[in-house]
Amino acid sequence: MKGFYFSSTLMWDADAETLMRTAAENGFDGIELWAQHAETKKLDLETIHRLKKELGLNIVVHAKRRSSHRWTWLWSLELTR
């Protein structure tokens, strides 16, 4: 599926590995990771980063606020590497 991203909120209760493997197995190009989802469910950054490379997925982070949540932006930058 060229250019299609899987929204993380579609699998709200899944862990990071299940979420990412499901997206890859179903032909998505990447994950639209909602920052609030990742923060609330404590999705593991290391797992996401490892699987991004392993599965060849792109990641777009949907941040909840631009100015007041430094954590979101730093986390976003780390995931895109």
PDB file of N, CA and C in Angstrom:
ATOM      1  N   MET A   1       0.837  -1.173   0.000  1.00  0.00           N
ATOM      2  CA  MET A   1       0.000   0.000   0.000  1.00  0.00           C
ATOM      3  C   MET A   1       0.884   1.240   0.000  1.00  0.00           C
ATOM      4  N   LYS A   2       1.166   1.772  -1.117  1.00  0.00           N
ATOM      5  CA  LYS A   2       2.074   2.902  -1.214  1.00  0.00           C
ATOM      6  C   LYS A   2       1.474   4.160  -0.584  1.00  0.00           C
ATOM      7  N   GLY A   3       2.193   4.685   0.393  1.00  0.00           N
ATOM      8  CA  GLY A   3       1.787   5.935   1.025  1.00  0.00           C
ATOM      9  C   GLY A   3       0.717   5.829   2.093  1.00  0.00           C
ATOM     10  N   PHE A   4       0.393   4.630   2.520  1.00  0.00           N
ATOM     11  CA  PHE A   4      -0.631   4.473   3.551  1.00  0.00           C
ATOM     12  C   PHE A   4       0.022   4.195   4.903  1.00  0.00           C
ATOM     13  N   TYR A   5      -0.439   4.947   5.889  1.00  0.00           N
ATOM     14  CA  TYR A   5       0.079   4.802   7.244  1.00  0.00           C
ATOM     15  C   TYR A   5      -1.024   4.289   8.158  1.00  0.00           C
ATOM     16  N   PHE A   6      -0.642   3.463   9.110  1.00  0.00           N
ATOM     17  CA  PHE A   6      -1.553   2.842  10.064  1.00  0.00           C
ATOM     18  C   PHE A   6      -1.587   3.709  11.318  1.00  0.00           C
ATOM     19  N   SER A   7      -2.754   4.156  11.740  1.00  0.00           N
ATOM     20  CA  SER A   7      -2.870   4.978  12.936  1.00  0.00           C
ATOM     21  C   SER A   7      -2.763   4.119  14.189  1.00  0.00           C
ATOM     22  N   SER A   8      -1.883   4.506  15.076  1.00  0.00           N
ATOM     23  CA  SER A   8      -1.665   3.717  16.296  1.00  0.00           C
ATOM     24  C   SER A   8      -2.926   3.582  17.141  1.00  0.00           C
ATOM     25  N   THR A   9      -3.803   4.558  17.068  1.00  0.00           N
ATOM     26  CA  THR A   9      -5.009   4.513  17.907  1.00  0.00           C
ATOM     27  C   THR A   9      -5.982   3.416  17.491  1.00  0.00           C
ATOM     28  N   LEU A  10      -5.797   2.851  16.300  1.00  0.00           N
ATOM     29  CA  LEU A  10      -6.660   1.741  15.876  1.00  0.00           C
ATOM     30  C   LEU A  10      -6.427   0.491  16.726  1.00  0.00           C
ATOM     31  N   MET A  11      -5.264   0.435  17.368  1.00  0.00           N
ATOM     32  CA  MET A  11      -4.945  -0.693  18.246  1.00  0.00           C
ATOM     33  C   MET A  11      -4.544  -0.146  19.616  1.00  0.00           C
ATOM     34  N   TRP A  12      -5.429   0.601  20.205  1.00  0.00           N
ATOM     35  CA  TRP A  12      -5.149   1.329  21.442  1.00  0.00           C
ATOM     36  C   TRP A  12      -4.560   0.456  22.545  1.00  0.00           C
ATOM     37  N   ASP A  13      -5.023  -0.756  22.687  1.00  0.00           N
ATOM     38  CA  ASP A  13      -4.558  -1.600  23.799  1.00  0.00           C
ATOM     39  C   ASP A  13      -3.383  -2.506  23.459  1.00  0.00           C
ATOM     40  N   ALA A  14      -2.891  -2.433  22.235  1.00  0.00           N
ATOM     41  CA  ALA A  14      -1.767  -3.293  21.829  1.00  0.00           C
ATOM     42  C   ALA A  14      -0.435  -2.710  22.298  1.00  0.00           C
ATOM     43  N   ASP A  15       0.518  -3.605  22.520  1.00  0.00           N
ATOM     44  CA  ASP A  15       1.863  -3.122  22.825  1.00  0.00           C
ATOM     45  C   ASP A  15       2.522  -2.672  21.516  1.00  0.00           C
ATOM     46  N   ALA A  16       3.663  -2.022  21.633  1.00  0.00           N
ATOM     47  CA  ALA A  16       4.339  -1.447  20.461  1.00  0.00           C
ATOM     48  C   ALA A  16       4.684  -2.509  19.419  1.00  0.00           C
ATOM     49  N   GLU A  17       5.151  -3.661  19.858  1.00  0.00           N
ATOM     50  CA  GLU A  17       5.546  -4.702  18.907  1.00  0.00           C
ATOM     51  C   GLU A  17       4.352  -5.245  18.125  1.00  0.00           C
ATOM     52  N   THR A  18       3.273  -5.532  18.800  1.00  0.00           N
ATOM     53  CA  THR A  18       2.069  -6.042  18.130  1.00  0.00           C
ATOM     54  C   THR A  18       1.539  -5.014  17.131  1.00  0.00           C
ATOM     55  N   LEU A  19       1.501  -3.769  17.551  1.00  0.00           N
ATOM     56  CA  LEU A  19       1.029  -2.679  16.701  1.00  0.00           C
ATOM     57  C   LEU A  19       1.857  -2.580  15.412  1.00  0.00           C
ATOM     58  N   MET A  20       3.162  -2.559  15.554  1.00  0.00           N
ATOM     59  CA  MET A  20       4.031  -2.368  14.395  1.00  0.00           C
ATOM     60  C   MET A  20       4.068  -3.594  13.484  1.00  0.00           C
ATOM     61  N   ARG A  21       4.075  -4.763  14.065  1.00  0.00           N
ATOM     62  CA  ARG A  21       4.075  -5.974  13.235  1.00  0.00           C
ATOM     63  C   ARG A  21       2.757  -6.105  12.461  1.00  0.00           C
ATOM     64  N   THR A  22       1.664  -5.738  13.082  1.00  0.00           N
ATOM     65  CA  THR A  22       0.367  -5.772  12.401  1.00  0.00           C
ATOM     66  C   THR A  22       0.362  -4.826  11.203  1.00  0.00           C
ATOM     67  N   ALA A  23       0.884  -3.640  11.385  1.00  0.00           N
ATOM     68  CA  ALA A  23       0.957  -2.674  10.284  1.00  0.00           C
ATOM     69  C   ALA A  23       1.819  -3.209   9.147  1.00  0.00           C
ATOM     70  N   ALA A  24       2.980  -3.743   9.475  1.00  0.00           N
ATOM     71  CA  ALA A  24       3.893  -4.262   8.450  1.00  0.00           C
ATOM     72  C   ALA A  24       3.292  -5.470   7.731  1.00  0.00           C
ATOM     73  N   GLU A  25       2.698  -6.375   8.474  1.00  0.00           N
ATOM     74  CA  GLU A  25       2.122  -7.590   7.882  1.00  0.00           C
ATOM     75  C   GLU A  25       0.941  -7.288   6.967  1.00  0.00           C
ATOM     76  N   ASN A  26       0.320  -6.139   7.160  1.00  0.00           N
ATOM     77  CA  ASN A  26      -0.822  -5.756   6.333  1.00  0.00           C
ATOM     78  C   ASN A  26      -0.456  -4.759   5.235  1.00  0.00           C
ATOM     79  N   GLY A  27       0.834  -4.603   4.998  1.00  0.00           N
ATOM     80  CA  GLY A  27       1.308  -3.828   3.863  1.00  0.00           C
ATOM     81  C   GLY A  27       1.346  -2.321   4.006  1.00  0.00           C
ATOM     82  N   PHE A  28       1.232  -1.812   5.224  1.00  0.00           N
ATOM     83  CA  PHE A  28       1.303  -0.368   5.409  1.00  0.00           C
ATOM     84  C   PHE A  28       2.753   0.100   5.308  1.00  0.00           C
ATOM     85  N   ASP A  29       2.932   1.348   4.871  1.00  0.00           N
ATOM     86  CA  ASP A  29       4.276   1.922   4.731  1.00  0.00           C
ATOM     87  C   ASP A  29       4.820   2.443   6.049  1.00  0.00           C
ATOM     88  N   GLY A  30       3.936   2.725   6.978  1.00  0.00           N
ATOM     89  CA  GLY A  30       4.392   3.276   8.242  1.00  0.00           C
ATOM     90  C   GLY A  30       3.285   3.371   9.263  1.00  0.00           C
ATOM     91  N   ILE A  31       3.644   4.003  10.365  1.00  0.00           N
ATOM     92  CA  ILE A  31       2.747   4.182  11.501  1.00  0.00           C
ATOM     93  C   ILE A  31       2.547   5.677  11.735  1.00  0.00           C
ATOM     94  N   GLU A  32       1.302   6.076  11.930  1.00  0.00           N
ATOM     95  CA  GLU A  32       1.016   7.413  12.444  1.00  0.00           C
ATOM     96  C   GLU A  32       0.873   7.213  13.946  1.00  0.00           C
ATOM     97  N   LEU A  33       1.903   7.563  14.666  1.00  0.00           N
ATOM     98  CA  LEU A  33       1.942   7.321  16.100  1.00  0.00           C
ATOM     99  C   LEU A  33       1.431   8.558  16.836  1.00  0.00           C
ATOM    100  N   TRP A  34       0.344   8.394  17.525  1.00  0.00           N
ATOM    101  CA  TRP A  34      -0.217   9.505  18.287  1.00  0.00           C
ATOM    102  C   TRP A  34       0.547   9.629  19.596  1.00  0.00           C
ATOM    103  N   ALA A  35       1.107  10.800  19.847  1.00  0.00           N
ATOM    104  CA  ALA A  35       1.913  11.021  21.054  1.00  0.00           C
ATOM    105  C   ALA A  35       1.127  10.731  22.327  1.00  0.00           C
ATOM    106  N   GLN A  36      -0.124  11.146  22.358  1.00  0.00           N
ATOM    107  CA  GLN A  36      -0.940  10.904  23.544  1.00  0.00           C
ATOM    108  C   GLN A  36      -1.133   9.397  23.765  1.00  0.00           C
ATOM    109  N   HIS A  37      -1.297   8.649  22.698  1.00  0.00           N
ATOM    110  CA  HIS A  37      -1.421   7.199  22.788  1.00  0.00           C
ATOM    111  C   HIS A  37      -0.132   6.602  23.358  1.00  0.00           C
ATOM    112  N   ALA A  38       0.990   6.988  22.786  1.00  0.00           N
ATOM    113  CA  ALA A  38       2.278   6.453  23.230  1.00  0.00           C
ATOM    114  C   ALA A  38       2.545   6.784  24.690  1.00  0.00           C
ATOM    115  N   GLU A  39       2.225   7.994  25.079  1.00  0.00           N
ATOM    116  CA  GLU A  39       2.451   8.434  26.448  1.00  0.00           C
ATOM    117  C   GLU A  39       1.506   7.735  27.424  1.00  0.00           C
ATOM    118  N   THR A  40       0.226   7.673  27.081  1.00  0.00           N
ATOM    119  CA  THR A  40      -0.777   7.069  27.959  1.00  0.00           C
ATOM    120  C   THR A  40      -0.529   5.578  28.162  1.00  0.00           C
ATOM    121  N   LYS A  41      -0.224   4.893  27.073  1.00  0.00           N
ATOM    122  CA  LYS A  41      -0.031   3.437  27.143  1.00  0.00           C
ATOM    123  C   LYS A  41       1.412   3.044  27.416  1.00  0.00           C
ATOM    124  N   LYS A  42       2.286   4.054  27.560  1.00  0.00           N
ATOM    125  CA  LYS A  42       3.702   3.821  27.854  1.00  0.00           C
ATOM    126  C   LYS A  42       4.342   2.874  26.827  1.00  0.00           C
ATOM    127  N   LEU A  43       4.104   3.186  25.544  1.00  0.00           N
ATOM    128  CA  LEU A  43       4.708   2.379  24.487  1.00  0.00           C
ATOM    129  C   LEU A  43       6.219   2.536  24.545  1.00  0.00           C
ATOM    130  N   ASP A  44       6.929   1.464  24.361  1.00  0.00           N
ATOM    131  CA  ASP A  44       8.370   1.437  24.539  1.00  0.00           C
ATOM    132  C   ASP A  44       9.117   2.031  23.343  1.00  0.00           C
ATOM    133  N   LEU A  45       9.845   3.111  23.582  1.00  0.00           N
ATOM    134  CA  LEU A  45      10.579   3.812  22.537  1.00  0.00           C
ATOM    135  C   LEU A  45      11.635   2.924  21.888  1.00  0.00           C
ATOM    136  N   GLU A  46      12.349   2.165  22.678  1.00  0.00           N
ATOM    137  CA  GLU A  46      13.402   1.294  22.128  1.00  0.00           C
ATOM    138  C   GLU A  46      12.814   0.235  21.188  1.00  0.00           C
ATOM    139  N   THR A  47      11.700  -0.339  21.572  1.00  0.00           N
ATOM    140  CA  THR A  47      11.033  -1.333  20.723  1.00  0.00           C
ATOM    141  C   THR A  47      10.573  -0.695  19.420  1.00  0.00           C
ATOM    142  N   ILE A  48       9.977   0.474  19.512  1.00  0.00           N
ATOM    143  CA  ILE A  48       9.508   1.168  18.315  1.00  0.00           C
ATOM    144  C   ILE A  48      10.678   1.481  17.386  1.00  0.00           C
ATOM    145  N   HIS A  49      11.751   1.980  17.937  1.00  0.00           N
ATOM    146  CA  HIS A  49      12.922   2.343  17.131  1.00  0.00           C
ATOM    147  C   HIS A  49      13.530   1.106  16.461  1.00  0.00           C
ATOM    148  N   ARG A  50      13.645   0.023  17.199  1.00  0.00           N
ATOM    149  CA  ARG A  50      14.210  -1.218  16.652  1.00  0.00           C
ATOM    150  C   ARG A  50      13.330  -1.778  15.535  1.00  0.00           C
ATOM    151  N   LEU A  51      12.027  -1.832  15.775  1.00  0.00           N
ATOM    152  CA  LEU A  51      11.109  -2.396  14.784  1.00  0.00           C
ATOM    153  C   LEU A  51      10.943  -1.499  13.559  1.00  0.00           C
ATOM    154  N   LYS A  52      11.095  -0.205  13.751  1.00  0.00           N
ATOM    155  CA  LYS A  52      11.047   0.718  12.613  1.00  0.00           C
ATOM    156  C   LYS A  52      12.093   0.293  11.584  1.00  0.00           C
ATOM    157  N   LYS A  53      13.288   0.024  12.065  1.00  0.00           N
ATOM    158  CA  LYS A  53      14.379  -0.395  11.172  1.00  0.00           C
ATOM    159  C   LYS A  53      14.172  -1.822  10.673  1.00  0.00           C
ATOM    160  N   GLU A  54      13.847  -2.721  11.576  1.00  0.00           N
ATOM    161  CA  GLU A  54      13.682  -4.134  11.227  1.00  0.00           C
ATOM    162  C   GLU A  54      12.579  -4.358  10.195  1.00  0.00           C
ATOM    163  N   LEU A  55      11.466  -3.654  10.362  1.00  0.00           N
ATOM    164  CA  LEU A  55      10.303  -3.861   9.491  1.00  0.00           C
ATOM    165  C   LEU A  55      10.243  -2.892   8.310  1.00  0.00           C
ATOM    166  N   GLY A  56      11.154  -1.929   8.287  1.00  0.00           N
ATOM    167  CA  GLY A  56      11.177  -0.960   7.198  1.00  0.00           C
ATOM    168  C   GLY A  56       9.993  -0.006   7.202  1.00  0.00           C
ATOM    169  N   LEU A  57       9.517   0.328   8.391  1.00  0.00           N
ATOM    170  CA  LEU A  57       8.366   1.232   8.510  1.00  0.00           C
ATOM    171  C   LEU A  57       8.821   2.671   8.714  1.00  0.00           C
ATOM    172  N   ASN A  58       8.061   3.587   8.180  1.00  0.00           N
ATOM    173  CA  ASN A  58       8.245   5.006   8.472  1.00  0.00           C
ATOM    174  C   ASN A  58       7.366   5.346   9.663  1.00  0.00           C
ATOM    175  N   ILE A  59       7.713   6.440  10.347  1.00  0.00           N
ATOM    176  CA  ILE A  59       6.905   6.867  11.487  1.00  0.00           C
ATOM    177  C   ILE A  59       6.650   8.363  11.387  1.00  0.00           C
ATOM    178  N   VAL A  60       5.390   8.722  11.576  1.00  0.00           N
ATOM    179  CA  VAL A  60       4.989  10.112  11.703  1.00  0.00           C
ATOM    180  C   VAL A  60       4.380  10.232  13.089  1.00  0.00           C
ATOM    181  N   VAL A  61       4.842  11.209  13.851  1.00  0.00           N
ATOM    182  CA  VAL A  61       4.313  11.387  15.198  1.00  0.00           C
ATOM    183  C   VAL A  61       3.298  12.518  15.192  1.00  0.00           C
ATOM    184  N   HIS A  62       2.112  12.198  15.641  1.00  0.00           N
ATOM    185  CA  HIS A  62       1.024  13.165  15.771  1.00  0.00           C
ATOM    186  C   HIS A  62       1.128  13.731  17.182  1.00  0.00           C
ATOM    187  N   ALA A  63       1.721  14.921  17.294  1.00  0.00           N
ATOM    188  CA  ALA A  63       1.977  15.520  18.604  1.00  0.00           C
ATOM    189  C   ALA A  63       0.749  16.226  19.143  1.00  0.00           C
ATOM    190  N   LYS A  64       0.589  16.191  20.451  1.00  0.00           N
ATOM    191  CA  LYS A  64      -0.595  16.800  21.049  1.00  0.00           C
ATOM    192  C   LYS A  64      -0.472  18.307  21.228  1.00  0.00           C
ATOM    193  N   ARG A  65       0.724  18.807  21.487  1.00  0.00           N
ATOM    194  CA  ARG A  65       0.943  20.248  21.583  1.00  0.00           C
ATOM    195  C   ARG A  65       2.360  20.568  21.155  1.00  0.00           C
ATOM    196  N   ARG A  66       2.471  21.646  20.464  1.00  0.00           N
ATOM    197  CA  ARG A  66       3.781  22.007  19.944  1.00  0.00           C
ATOM    198  C   ARG A  66       4.671  22.682  20.980  1.00  0.00           C
ATOM    199  N   SER A  67       4.160  23.644  21.684  1.00  0.00           N
ATOM    200  CA  SER A  67       5.020  24.479  22.510  1.00  0.00           C
ATOM    201  C   SER A  67       5.268  23.976  23.922  1.00  0.00           C
ATOM    202  N   SER A  68       4.329  23.306  24.517  1.00  0.00           N
ATOM    203  CA  SER A  68       4.471  23.003  25.937  1.00  0.00           C
ATOM    204  C   SER A  68       4.928  21.576  26.244  1.00  0.00           C
ATOM    205  N   HIS A  69       5.096  20.749  25.235  1.00  0.00           N
ATOM    206  CA  HIS A  69       5.479  19.366  25.514  1.00  0.00           C
ATOM    207  C   HIS A  69       6.799  19.016  24.848  1.00  0.00           C
ATOM    208  N   ARG A  70       7.853  19.456  25.463  1.00  0.00           N
ATOM    209  CA  ARG A  70       9.199  19.201  24.956  1.00  0.00           C
ATOM    210  C   ARG A  70       9.427  17.704  24.746  1.00  0.00           C
ATOM    211  N   TRP A  71       8.906  16.880  25.658  1.00  0.00           N
ATOM    212  CA  TRP A  71       9.061  15.427  25.561  1.00  0.00           C
ATOM    213  C   TRP A  71       8.592  14.917  24.208  1.00  0.00           C
ATOM    214  N   THR A  72       7.450  15.383  23.760  1.00  0.00           N
ATOM    215  CA  THR A  72       6.883  14.932  22.490  1.00  0.00           C
ATOM    216  C   THR A  72       7.829  15.225  21.337  1.00  0.00           C
ATOM    217  N   TRP A  73       8.381  16.421  21.293  1.00  0.00           N
ATOM    218  CA  TRP A  73       9.254  16.787  20.177  1.00  0.00           C
ATOM    219  C   TRP A  73      10.573  16.028  20.226  1.00  0.00           C
ATOM    220  N   LEU A  74      11.160  15.885  21.395  1.00  0.00           N
ATOM    221  CA  LEU A  74      12.410  15.132  21.499  1.00  0.00           C
ATOM    222  C   LEU A  74      12.185  13.681  21.108  1.00  0.00           C
ATOM    223  N   TRP A  75      11.083  13.118  21.544  1.00  0.00           N
ATOM    224  CA  TRP A  75      10.739  11.746  21.226  1.00  0.00           C
ATOM    225  C   TRP A  75      10.514  11.592  19.730  1.00  0.00           C
ATOM    226  N   SER A  76       9.841  12.579  19.128  1.00  0.00           N
ATOM    227  CA  SER A  76       9.569  12.570  17.696  1.00  0.00           C
ATOM    228  C   SER A  76      10.859  12.570  16.898  1.00  0.00           C
ATOM    229  N   LEU A  77      11.781  13.400  17.289  1.00  0.00           N
ATOM    230  CA  LEU A  77      13.056  13.477  16.584  1.00  0.00           C
ATOM    231  C   LEU A  77      13.821  12.168  16.692  1.00  0.00           C
ATOM    232  N   GLU A  78      13.792  11.554  17.858  1.00  0.00           N
ATOM    233  CA  GLU A  78      14.499  10.288  18.051  1.00  0.00           C
ATOM    234  C   GLU A  78      13.921   9.180  17.162  1.00  0.00           C
ATOM    235  N   LEU A  79      12.620   9.136  17.008  1.00  0.00           N
ATOM    236  CA  LEU A  79      11.979   8.090  16.217  1.00  0.00           C
ATOM    237  C   LEU A  79      12.250   8.210  14.728  1.00  0.00           C
ATOM    238  N   THR A  80      12.504   9.410  14.246  1.00  0.00           N
ATOM    239  CA  THR A  80      12.688   9.592  12.818  1.00  0.00           C
ATOM    240  C   THR A  80      14.098   9.247  12.354  1.00  0.00           C
ATOM    241  N   ARG A  81      14.995   8.993  13.250  1.00  0.00           N
ATOM    242  CA  ARG A  81      16.377   8.648  12.878  1.00  0.00           C
ATOM    243  C   ARG A  81      16.488   7.249  12.341  1.00  0.00           C
TER     244      ARG A  81
END
